[in-house]
Amino acid sequence: SLRLSCAAPKLIFSHGLMAWYRQLPGKERVLVASISRDGVTNYADS
């Protein structure tokens, strides 16, 4: 297991969709997971 953390300015954090993406060399960046300001989450199937 690992835990990643992302610190954002409060205004940005409070009013936007926050997400994690991942990328391999030479590949496109792909969505891993997202969370809305209301706490609604979305995950890649993988």
All heavy atoms as atom14 arrays in JSON, in Angstrom:
{
  "sequence": "SLRLSCAAPKLIFSHGLMAWYRQLPGKERVLVASISRDGVTNYADS",
  "atom14_mask": [
    [1, 1, 1, 1, 1, 1, 0, 0, 0, 0, 0, 0, 0, 0],
    [1, 1, 1, 1, 1, 1, 1, 1, 0, 0, 0, 0, 0, 0],
    [1, 1, 1, 1, 1, 1, 1, 1, 1, 1, 1, 0, 0, 0],
    [1, 1, 1, 1, 1, 1, 1, 1, 0, 0, 0, 0, 0, 0],
    [1, 1, 1, 1, 1, 1, 0, 0, 0, 0, 0, 0, 0, 0],
    [1, 1, 1, 1, 1, 1, 0, 0, 0, 0, 0, 0, 0, 0],
    [1, 1, 1, 1, 1, 0, 0, 0, 0, 0, 0, 0, 0, 0],
    [1, 1, 1, 1, 1, 0, 0, 0, 0, 0, 0, 0, 0, 0],
    [1, 1, 1, 1, 1, 1, 1, 0, 0, 0, 0, 0, 0, 0],
    [1, 1, 1, 1, 1, 1, 1, 1, 1, 0, 0, 0, 0, 0],
    [1, 1, 1, 1, 1, 1, 1, 1, 0, 0, 0, 0, 0, 0],
    [1, 1, 1, 1, 1, 1, 1, 1, 0, 0, 0, 0, 0, 0],
    [1, 1, 1, 1, 1, 1, 1, 1, 1, 1, 1, 0, 0, 0],
    [1, 1, 1, 1, 1, 1, 0, 0, 0, 0, 0, 0, 0, 0],
    [1, 1, 1, 1, 1, 1, 1, 1, 1, 1, 0, 0, 0, 0],
    [1, 1, 1, 1, 0, 0, 0, 0, 0, 0, 0, 0, 0, 0],
    [1, 1, 1, 1, 1, 1, 1, 1, 0, 0, 0, 0, 0, 0],
    [1, 1, 1, 1, 1, 1, 1, 1, 0, 0, 0, 0, 0, 0],
    [1, 1, 1, 1, 1, 0, 0, 0, 0, 0, 0, 0, 0, 0],
    [1, 1, 1, 1, 1, 1, 1, 1, 1, 1, 1, 1, 1, 1],
    [1, 1, 1, 1, 1, 1, 1, 1, 1, 1, 1, 1, 0, 0],
    [1, 1, 1, 1, 1, 1, 1, 1, 1, 1, 1, 0, 0, 0],
    [1, 1, 1, 1, 1, 1, 1, 1, 1, 0, 0, 0, 0, 0],
    [1, 1, 1, 1, 1, 1, 1, 1, 0, 0, 0, 0, 0, 0],
    [1, 1, 1, 1, 1, 1, 1, 0, 0, 0, 0, 0, 0, 0],
    [1, 1, 1, 1, 0, 0, 0, 0, 0, 0, 0, 0, 0, 0],
    [1, 1, 1, 1, 1, 1, 1, 1, 1, 0, 0, 0, 0, 0],
    [1, 1, 1, 1, 1, 1, 1, 1, 1, 0, 0, 0, 0, 0],
    [1, 1, 1, 1, 1, 1, 1, 1, 1, 1, 1, 0, 0, 0],
    [1, 1, 1, 1, 1, 1, 1, 0, 0, 0, 0, 0, 0, 0],
    [1, 1, 1, 1, 1, 1, 1, 1, 0, 0, 0, 0, 0, 0],
    [1, 1, 1, 1, 1, 1, 1, 0, 0, 0, 0, 0, 0, 0],
    [1, 1, 1, 1, 1, 0, 0, 0, 0, 0, 0, 0, 0, 0],
    [1, 1, 1, 1, 1, 1, 0, 0, 0, 0, 0, 0, 0, 0],
    [1, 1, 1, 1, 1, 1, 1, 1, 0, 0, 0, 0, 0, 0],
    [1, 1, 1, 1, 1, 1, 0, 0, 0, 0, 0, 0, 0, 0],
    [1, 1, 1, 1, 1, 1, 1, 1, 1, 1, 1, 0, 0, 0],
    [1, 1, 1, 1, 1, 1, 1, 1, 0, 0, 0, 0, 0, 0],
    [1, 1, 1, 1, 0, 0, 0, 0, 0, 0, 0, 0, 0, 0],
    [1, 1, 1, 1, 1, 1, 1, 0, 0, 0, 0, 0, 0, 0],
    [1, 1, 1, 1, 1, 1, 1, 0, 0, 0, 0, 0, 0, 0],
    [1, 1, 1, 1, 1, 1, 1, 1, 0, 0, 0, 0, 0, 0],
    [1, 1, 1, 1, 1, 1, 1, 1, 1, 1, 1, 1, 0, 0],
    [1, 1, 1, 1, 1, 0, 0, 0, 0, 0, 0, 0, 0, 0],
    [1, 1, 1, 1, 1, 1, 1, 1, 0, 0, 0, 0, 0, 0],
    [1, 1, 1, 1, 1, 1, 0, 0, 0, 0, 0, 0, 0, 0]
  ],
  "atom14_positions": [
    [[0.83, -1.2, 0.0], [0.0, 0.0, 0.0], [0.87, 1.25, 0.0], [1.99, 1.25, 0.51], [-0.9, 0.02, 1.24], [-1.77, -1.08, 1.26], [0.0, 0.0, 0.0], [0.0, 0.0, 0.0], [0.0, 0.0, 0.0], [0.0, 0.0, 0.0], [0.0, 0.0, 0.0], [0.0, 0.0, 0.0], [0.0, 0.0, 0.0], [0.0, 0.0, 0.0]],
    [[0.3, 2.31, -0.55], [0.91, 3.64, -0.51], [-0.2, 4.66, -0.41], [-1.31, 4.42, -0.89], [1.71, 3.93, -1.78], [3.17, 3.48, -1.89], [3.72, 3.85, -3.25], [4.02, 4.06, -0.78], [0.0, 0.0, 0.0], [0.0, 0.0, 0.0], [0.0, 0.0, 0.0], [0.0, 0.0, 0.0], [0.0, 0.0, 0.0], [0.0, 0.0, 0.0]],
    [[0.12, 5.79, 0.18], [-0.85, 6.88, 0.27], [-0.22, 8.12, -0.35], [0.82, 8.58, 0.1], [-1.23, 7.16, 1.72], [-2.38, 8.14, 1.89], [-2.75, 8.27, 3.36], [-3.96, 9.05, 3.56], [-5.18, 8.54, 3.59], [-5.35, 7.23, 3.44], [-6.24, 9.3, 3.77], [0.0, 0.0, 0.0], [0.0, 0.0, 0.0], [0.0, 0.0, 0.0]],
    [[-0.86, 8.63, -1.39], [-0.43, 9.87, -2.02], [-1.25, 11.02, -1.47], [-2.43, 10.86, -1.15], [-0.61, 9.81, -3.54], [0.04, 8.64, -4.26], [-0.18, 8.78, -5.77], [1.52, 8.54, -3.95], [0.0, 0.0, 0.0], [0.0, 0.0, 0.0], [0.0, 0.0, 0.0], [0.0, 0.0, 0.0], [0.0, 0.0, 0.0], [0.0, 0.0, 0.0]],
    [[-0.61, 12.18, -1.38], [-1.31, 13.36, -0.9], [-1.01, 14.55, -1.81], [0.11, 14.68, -2.31], [-0.88, 13.69, 0.53], [-1.63, 14.75, 1.06], [0.0, 0.0, 0.0], [0.0, 0.0, 0.0], [0.0, 0.0, 0.0], [0.0, 0.0, 0.0], [0.0, 0.0, 0.0], [0.0, 0.0, 0.0], [0.0, 0.0, 0.0], [0.0, 0.0, 0.0]],
    [[-2.0, 15.37, -2.04], [-1.85, 16.54, -2.89], [-2.37, 17.76, -2.12], [-3.54, 17.81, -1.74], [-2.65, 16.37, -4.17], [-2.77, 17.85, -5.19], [0.0, 0.0, 0.0], [0.0, 0.0, 0.0], [0.0, 0.0, 0.0], [0.0, 0.0, 0.0], [0.0, 0.0, 0.0], [0.0, 0.0, 0.0], [0.0, 0.0, 0.0], [0.0, 0.0, 0.0]],
    [[-1.5, 18.73, -1.92], [-1.88, 19.97, -1.24], [-2.18, 21.04, -2.27], [-1.4, 21.26, -3.2], [-0.75, 20.43, -0.32], [0.0, 0.0, 0.0], [0.0, 0.0, 0.0], [0.0, 0.0, 0.0], [0.0, 0.0, 0.0], [0.0, 0.0, 0.0], [0.0, 0.0, 0.0], [0.0, 0.0, 0.0], [0.0, 0.0, 0.0], [0.0, 0.0, 0.0]],
    [[-3.32, 21.69, -2.11], [-3.76, 22.72, -3.05], [-4.11, 24.0, -2.32], [-4.47, 23.96, -1.13], [-4.97, 22.23, -3.84], [0.0, 0.0, 0.0], [0.0, 0.0, 0.0], [0.0, 0.0, 0.0], [0.0, 0.0, 0.0], [0.0, 0.0, 0.0], [0.0, 0.0, 0.0], [0.0, 0.0, 0.0], [0.0, 0.0, 0.0], [0.0, 0.0, 0.0]],
    [[-4.03, 25.14, -3.0], [-4.53, 26.37, -2.38], [-6.0, 26.22, -2.03], [-6.76, 25.58, -2.76], [-4.33, 27.43, -3.48], [-3.24, 26.88, -4.33], [-3.44, 25.39, -4.32], [0.0, 0.0, 0.0], [0.0, 0.0, 0.0], [0.0, 0.0, 0.0], [0.0, 0.0, 0.0], [0.0, 0.0, 0.0], [0.0, 0.0, 0.0], [0.0, 0.0, 0.0]],
    [[-6.41, 26.81, -0.92], [-7.74, 26.59, -0.4], [-8.83, 26.94, -1.41], [-9.81, 26.2, -1.56], [-7.94, 27.39, 0.89], [-9.23, 27.08, 1.6], [-9.3, 27.75, 2.97], [-10.57, 27.35, 3.7], [-10.64, 27.95, 5.05], [0.0, 0.0, 0.0], [0.0, 0.0, 0.0], [0.0, 0.0, 0.0], [0.0, 0.0, 0.0], [0.0, 0.0, 0.0]],
    [[-8.68, 28.05, -2.11], [-9.7, 28.46, -3.09], [-9.86, 27.4, -4.17], [-10.97, 27.04, -4.56], [-9.33, 29.8, -3.7], [-10.27, 30.31, -4.8], [-11.65, 30.59, -4.22], [-9.7, 31.56, -5.46], [0.0, 0.0, 0.0], [0.0, 0.0, 0.0], [0.0, 0.0, 0.0], [0.0, 0.0, 0.0], [0.0, 0.0, 0.0], [0.0, 0.0, 0.0]],
    [[-8.73, 26.93, -4.68], [-8.75, 25.91, -5.74], [-9.37, 24.62, -5.2], [-10.22, 24.0, -5.84], [-7.32, 25.64, -6.25], [-6.7, 26.93, -6.78], [-7.32, 24.54, -7.29], [-7.46, 27.55, -7.91], [0.0, 0.0, 0.0], [0.0, 0.0, 0.0], [0.0, 0.0, 0.0], [0.0, 0.0, 0.0], [0.0, 0.0, 0.0], [0.0, 0.0, 0.0]],
    [[-8.96, 24.23, -4.02], [-9.44, 23.0, -3.43], [-10.95, 23.04, -3.19], [-11.66, 22.07, -3.42], [-8.7, 22.77, -2.11], [-9.2, 21.6, -1.31], [-8.73, 20.33, -1.56], [-10.15, 21.78, -0.31], [-9.19, 19.25, -0.82], [-10.62, 20.7, 0.43], [-10.13, 19.43, 0.17], [0.0, 0.0, 0.0], [0.0, 0.0, 0.0], [0.0, 0.0, 0.0]],
    [[-11.45, 24.19, -2.75], [-12.85, 24.3, -2.34], [-13.83, 24.37, -3.49], [-15.0, 24.04, -3.34], [-13.03, 25.53, -1.46], [-12.24, 25.46, -0.3], [0.0, 0.0, 0.0], [0.0, 0.0, 0.0], [0.0, 0.0, 0.0], [0.0, 0.0, 0.0], [0.0, 0.0, 0.0], [0.0, 0.0, 0.0], [0.0, 0.0, 0.0], [0.0, 0.0, 0.0]],
    [[-13.38, 24.8, -4.65], [-14.32, 25.08, -5.73], [-14.14, 24.23, -6.97], [-14.85, 24.42, -7.95], [-14.23, 26.56, -6.12], [-14.73, 27.48, -5.06], [-13.92, 27.93, -4.03], [-15.94, 28.01, -4.84], [-14.63, 28.72, -3.24], [-15.85, 28.78, -3.69], [0.0, 0.0, 0.0], [0.0, 0.0, 0.0], [0.0, 0.0, 0.0], [0.0, 0.0, 0.0]],
    [[-13.22, 23.31, -6.94], [-12.99, 22.54, -8.15], [-13.08, 21.05, -7.95], [-13.21, 20.54, -6.84], [0.0, 0.0, 0.0], [0.0, 0.0, 0.0], [0.0, 0.0, 0.0], [0.0, 0.0, 0.0], [0.0, 0.0, 0.0], [0.0, 0.0, 0.0], [0.0, 0.0, 0.0], [0.0, 0.0, 0.0], [0.0, 0.0, 0.0], [0.0, 0.0, 0.0]],
    [[-13.01, 20.35, -9.07], [-12.9, 18.9, -9.06], [-11.43, 18.56, -8.86], [-10.56, 19.09, -9.55], [-13.38, 18.33, -10.4], [-13.3, 16.82, -10.56], [-14.42, 16.15, -9.78], [-13.41, 16.45, -12.04], [0.0, 0.0, 0.0], [0.0, 0.0, 0.0], [0.0, 0.0, 0.0], [0.0, 0.0, 0.0], [0.0, 0.0, 0.0], [0.0, 0.0, 0.0]],
    [[-11.16, 17.68, -7.91], [-9.79, 17.26, -7.67], [-9.63, 15.82, -8.16], [-10.54, 15.0, -8.0], [-9.46, 17.34, -6.18], [-9.59, 18.73, -5.57], [-8.44, 19.93, -6.28], [-6.86, 19.21, -5.82], [0.0, 0.0, 0.0], [0.0, 0.0, 0.0], [0.0, 0.0, 0.0], [0.0, 0.0, 0.0], [0.0, 0.0, 0.0], [0.0, 0.0, 0.0]],
    [[-8.48, 15.53, -8.73], [-8.31, 14.2, -9.33], [-6.85, 13.78, -9.29], [-5.94, 14.6, -9.14], [-8.81, 14.21, -10.77], [0.0, 0.0, 0.0], [0.0, 0.0, 0.0], [0.0, 0.0, 0.0], [0.0, 0.0, 0.0], [0.0, 0.0, 0.0], [0.0, 0.0, 0.0], [0.0, 0.0, 0.0], [0.0, 0.0, 0.0], [0.0, 0.0, 0.0]],
    [[-6.67, 12.49, -9.44], [-5.35, 11.9, -9.63], [-5.32, 11.22, -11.0], [-6.26, 10.5, -11.36], [-5.04, 10.87, -8.56], [-4.69, 11.47, -7.24], [-5.53, 11.72, -6.19], [-3.39, 11.9, -6.82], [-4.84, 12.28, -5.15], [-3.52, 12.4, -5.51], [-2.14, 11.91, -7.42], [-2.44, 12.91, -4.79], [-1.06, 12.41, -6.72], [-1.22, 12.9, -5.42]],
    [[-4.25, 11.49, -11.74], [-3.99, 10.84, -13.02], [-2.66, 10.1, -12.91], [-1.87, 10.36, -12.01], [-3.88, 11.89, -14.13], [-5.18, 12.5, -14.58], [-5.86, 13.42, -13.77], [-5.73, 12.18, -15.82], [-7.06, 13.98, -14.19], [-6.93, 12.75, -16.25], [-7.58, 13.64, -15.42], [-8.75, 14.21, -15.84], [0.0, 0.0, 0.0], [0.0, 0.0, 0.0]],
    [[-2.43, 9.22, -13.87], [-1.12, 8.58, -13.95], [-0.69, 8.46, -15.4], [-1.52, 8.46, -16.32], [-1.12, 7.22, -13.26], [-2.0, 6.15, -13.87], [-2.04, 4.94, -12.94], [-2.85, 3.84, -13.48], [-3.16, 2.74, -12.8], [-2.74, 2.6, -11.54], [-3.88, 1.8, -13.37], [0.0, 0.0, 0.0], [0.0, 0.0, 0.0], [0.0, 0.0, 0.0]],
    [[0.62, 8.37, -15.56], [1.18, 8.37, -16.91], [2.44, 7.52, -16.96], [3.29, 7.59, -16.05], [1.52, 9.81, -17.32], [1.97, 9.97, -18.74], [2.14, 11.43, -19.12], [2.38, 12.3, -18.27], [2.0, 11.73, -20.4], [0.0, 0.0, 0.0], [0.0, 0.0, 0.0], [0.0, 0.0, 0.0], [0.0, 0.0, 0.0], [0.0, 0.0, 0.0]],
    [[2.53, 6.73, -18.01], [3.74, 5.97, -18.3], [4.5, 6.71, -19.39], [3.9, 7.43, -20.2], [3.38, 4.56, -18.78], [2.84, 3.61, -17.7], [2.31, 2.35, -18.33], [3.92, 3.3, -16.69], [0.0, 0.0, 0.0], [0.0, 0.0, 0.0], [0.0, 0.0, 0.0], [0.0, 0.0, 0.0], [0.0, 0.0, 0.0], [0.0, 0.0, 0.0]],
    [[5.83, 6.53, -19.46], [6.61, 7.2, -20.51], [6.06, 6.88, -21.89], [5.82, 5.71, -22.24], [8.01, 6.62, -20.31], [8.06, 6.25, -18.86], [6.67, 5.76, -18.54], [0.0, 0.0, 0.0], [0.0, 0.0, 0.0], [0.0, 0.0, 0.0], [0.0, 0.0, 0.0], [0.0, 0.0, 0.0], [0.0, 0.0, 0.0], [0.0, 0.0, 0.0]],
    [[5.83, 7.93, -22.67], [5.35, 7.75, -24.03], [3.87, 7.47, -24.16], [3.36, 7.28, -25.26], [0.0, 0.0, 0.0], [0.0, 0.0, 0.0], [0.0, 0.0, 0.0], [0.0, 0.0, 0.0], [0.0, 0.0, 0.0], [0.0, 0.0, 0.0], [0.0, 0.0, 0.0], [0.0, 0.0, 0.0], [0.0, 0.0, 0.0], [0.0, 0.0, 0.0]],
    [[3.18, 7.45, -23.03], [1.75, 7.18, -23.03], [0.97, 8.41, -22.6], [1.52, 9.35, -22.02], [1.44, 6.02, -22.08], [2.16, 4.72, -22.41], [1.63, 4.1, -23.67], [2.25, 2.72, -23.88], [1.75, 2.08, -25.15], [0.0, 0.0, 0.0], [0.0, 0.0, 0.0], [0.0, 0.0, 0.0], [0.0, 0.0, 0.0], [0.0, 0.0, 0.0]],
    [[-0.33, 8.37, -22.87], [-1.18, 9.48, -22.44], [-1.43, 9.41, -20.93], [-1.42, 8.34, -20.33], [-2.52, 9.43, -23.18], [-2.44, 9.78, -24.64], [-3.81, 9.92, -25.27], [-4.82, 9.7, -24.59], [-3.86, 10.27, -26.46], [0.0, 0.0, 0.0], [0.0, 0.0, 0.0], [0.0, 0.0, 0.0], [0.0, 0.0, 0.0], [0.0, 0.0, 0.0]],
    [[-1.68, 10.57, -20.38], [-2.06, 10.65, -18.98], [-3.51, 10.17, -18.86], [-4.37, 10.61, -19.63], [-1.91, 12.09, -18.52], [-1.78, 12.29, -17.04], [-1.39, 13.73, -16.74], [-0.02, 14.03, -17.16], [0.58, 15.18, -16.92], [-0.06, 16.14, -16.26], [1.81, 15.37, -17.32], [0.0, 0.0, 0.0], [0.0, 0.0, 0.0], [0.0, 0.0, 0.0]],
    [[-3.77, 9.29, -17.9], [-5.12, 8.74, -17.76], [-5.65, 8.96, -16.35], [-4.89, 8.98, -15.37], [-5.16, 7.23, -18.11], [-4.82, 7.01, -19.56], [-4.23, 6.43, -17.22], [0.0, 0.0, 0.0], [0.0, 0.0, 0.0], [0.0, 0.0, 0.0], [0.0, 0.0, 0.0], [0.0, 0.0, 0.0], [0.0, 0.0, 0.0], [0.0, 0.0, 0.0]],
    [[-6.95, 9.11, -16.26], [-7.59, 9.35, -14.98], [-7.54, 8.1, -14.11], [-7.85, 7.0, -14.56], [-9.04, 9.77, -15.19], [-9.86, 10.0, -13.92], [-9.38, 11.25, -13.19], [-11.35, 10.13, -14.27], [0.0, 0.0, 0.0], [0.0, 0.0, 0.0], [0.0, 0.0, 0.0], [0.0, 0.0, 0.0], [0.0, 0.0, 0.0], [0.0, 0.0, 0.0]],
    [[-7.16, 8.3, -12.85], [-7.19, 7.22, -11.87], [-8.44, 7.36, -10.99], [-9.19, 6.41, -10.82], [-5.93, 7.25, -11.0], [-6.02, 6.19, -9.9], [-4.68, 7.04, -11.85], [0.0, 0.0, 0.0], [0.0, 0.0, 0.0], [0.0, 0.0, 0.0], [0.0, 0.0, 0.0], [0.0, 0.0, 0.0], [0.0, 0.0, 0.0], [0.0, 0.0, 0.0]],
    [[-8.62, 8.55, -10.44], [-9.76, 8.79, -9.56], [-10.01, 10.28, -9.46], [-9.07, 11.07, -9.59], [-9.51, 8.21, -8.17], [0.0, 0.0, 0.0], [0.0, 0.0, 0.0], [0.0, 0.0, 0.0], [0.0, 0.0, 0.0], [0.0, 0.0, 0.0], [0.0, 0.0, 0.0], [0.0, 0.0, 0.0], [0.0, 0.0, 0.0], [0.0, 0.0, 0.0]],
    [[-11.26, 10.64, -9.22], [-11.61, 12.04, -9.03], [-12.61, 12.16, -7.89], [-13.31, 11.19, -7.55], [-12.18, 12.66, -10.3], [-13.42, 12.05, -10.63], [0.0, 0.0, 0.0], [0.0, 0.0, 0.0], [0.0, 0.0, 0.0], [0.0, 0.0, 0.0], [0.0, 0.0, 0.0], [0.0, 0.0, 0.0], [0.0, 0.0, 0.0], [0.0, 0.0, 0.0]],
    [[-12.67, 13.39, -7.33], [-13.63, 13.65, -6.27], [-14.12, 15.08, -6.41], [-13.32, 16.01, -6.56], [-13.0, 13.38, -4.88], [-14.03, 13.56, -3.77], [-11.76, 14.24, -4.63], [-13.58, 13.0, -2.42], [0.0, 0.0, 0.0], [0.0, 0.0, 0.0], [0.0, 0.0, 0.0], [0.0, 0.0, 0.0], [0.0, 0.0, 0.0], [0.0, 0.0, 0.0]],
    [[-15.43, 15.24, -6.42], [-16.0, 16.57, -6.55], [-15.95, 17.3, -5.21], [-15.63, 16.71, -4.18], [-17.45, 16.46, -7.03], [-18.28, 16.0, -5.97], [0.0, 0.0, 0.0], [0.0, 0.0, 0.0], [0.0, 0.0, 0.0], [0.0, 0.0, 0.0], [0.0, 0.0, 0.0], [0.0, 0.0, 0.0], [0.0, 0.0, 0.0], [0.0, 0.0, 0.0]],
    [[-16.3, 18.58, -5.24], [-16.3, 19.34, -3.99], [-17.37, 18.83, -3.03], [-17.29, 19.07, -1.82], [-16.49, 20.82, -4.27], [-17.78, 21.17, -4.97], [-17.84, 22.66, -5.25], [-19.09, 23.06, -5.89], [-19.41, 24.31, -6.19], [-18.56, 25.29, -5.9], [-20.55, 24.59, -6.77], [0.0, 0.0, 0.0], [0.0, 0.0, 0.0], [0.0, 0.0, 0.0]],
    [[-18.35, 18.1, -3.57], [-19.4, 17.51, -2.73], [-19.06, 16.09, -2.29], [-19.87, 15.43, -1.64], [-20.73, 17.49, -3.49], [-21.18, 18.89, -3.86], [-21.0, 19.8, -3.03], [-21.71, 19.07, -4.97], [0.0, 0.0, 0.0], [0.0, 0.0, 0.0], [0.0, 0.0, 0.0], [0.0, 0.0, 0.0], [0.0, 0.0, 0.0], [0.0, 0.0, 0.0]],
    [[-17.88, 15.61, -2.7], [-17.46, 14.29, -2.26], [-17.86, 13.14, -3.16], [-17.68, 11.97, -2.8], [0.0, 0.0, 0.0], [0.0, 0.0, 0.0], [0.0, 0.0, 0.0], [0.0, 0.0, 0.0], [0.0, 0.0, 0.0], [0.0, 0.0, 0.0], [0.0, 0.0, 0.0], [0.0, 0.0, 0.0], [0.0, 0.0, 0.0], [0.0, 0.0, 0.0]],
    [[-18.37, 13.45, -4.35], [-18.74, 12.38, -5.29], [-17.46, 11.88, -5.96], [-16.69, 12.66, -6.5], [-19.73, 12.89, -6.35], [-20.04, 11.79, -7.35], [-21.0, 13.39, -5.68], [0.0, 0.0, 0.0], [0.0, 0.0, 0.0], [0.0, 0.0, 0.0], [0.0, 0.0, 0.0], [0.0, 0.0, 0.0], [0.0, 0.0, 0.0], [0.0, 0.0, 0.0]],
    [[-17.27, 10.58, -5.91], [-16.04, 9.99, -6.42], [-16.26, 9.22, -7.72], [-17.37, 8.76, -8.02], [-15.42, 9.04, -5.39], [-16.37, 8.02, -5.06], [-15.04, 9.79, -4.12], [0.0, 0.0, 0.0], [0.0, 0.0, 0.0], [0.0, 0.0, 0.0], [0.0, 0.0, 0.0], [0.0, 0.0, 0.0], [0.0, 0.0, 0.0], [0.0, 0.0, 0.0]],
    [[-15.18, 9.09, -8.46], [-15.19, 8.34, -9.71], [-13.84, 7.65, -9.84], [-12.8, 8.24, -9.52], [-15.42, 9.28, -10.89], [-15.45, 8.55, -12.21], [-16.13, 7.55, -12.36], [-14.69, 9.04, -13.18], [0.0, 0.0, 0.0], [0.0, 0.0, 0.0], [0.0, 0.0, 0.0], [0.0, 0.0, 0.0], [0.0, 0.0, 0.0], [0.0, 0.0, 0.0]],
    [[-13.85, 6.38, -10.29], [-12.61, 5.61, -10.37], [-12.48, 4.94, -11.73], [-13.46, 4.52, -12.34], [-12.59, 4.51, -9.31], [-12.57, 5.01, -7.89], [-13.74, 5.19, -7.17], [-11.36, 5.32, -7.27], [-13.73, 5.67, -5.87], [-11.32, 5.79, -5.97], [-12.51, 5.96, -5.28], [-12.47, 6.43, -3.98], [0.0, 0.0, 0.0], [0.0, 0.0, 0.0]],
    [[-11.24, 4.8, -12.16], [-10.96, 3.96, -13.32], [-11.29, 2.53, -12.95], [-11.09, 2.11, -11.8], [-9.5, 4.1, -13.72], [0.0, 0.0, 0.0], [0.0, 0.0, 0.0], [0.0, 0.0, 0.0], [0.0, 0.0, 0.0], [0.0, 0.0, 0.0], [0.0, 0.0, 0.0], [0.0, 0.0, 0.0], [0.0, 0.0, 0.0], [0.0, 0.0, 0.0]],
    [[-11.78, 1.76, -13.91], [-12.13, 0.37, -13.64], [-10.96, -0.42, -13.08], [-11.13, -1.29, -12.23], [-12.63, -0.3, -14.92], [-14.01, 0.18, -15.33], [-14.71, 0.78, -14.48], [-14.39, -0.04, -16.49], [0.0, 0.0, 0.0], [0.0, 0.0, 0.0], [0.0, 0.0, 0.0], [0.0, 0.0, 0.0], [0.0, 0.0, 0.0], [0.0, 0.0, 0.0]],
    [[-9.76, -0.09, -13.53], [-8.58, -0.86, -13.13], [-8.2, -0.69, -11.66], [-7.43, -1.5, -11.13], [-7.39, -0.46, -14.01], [-7.11, 0.92, -13.86], [0.0, 0.0, 0.0], [0.0, 0.0, 0.0], [0.0, 0.0, 0.0], [0.0, 0.0, 0.0], [0.0, 0.0, 0.0], [0.0, 0.0, 0.0], [0.0, 0.0, 0.0], [0.0, 0.0, 0.0]]
  ]
}
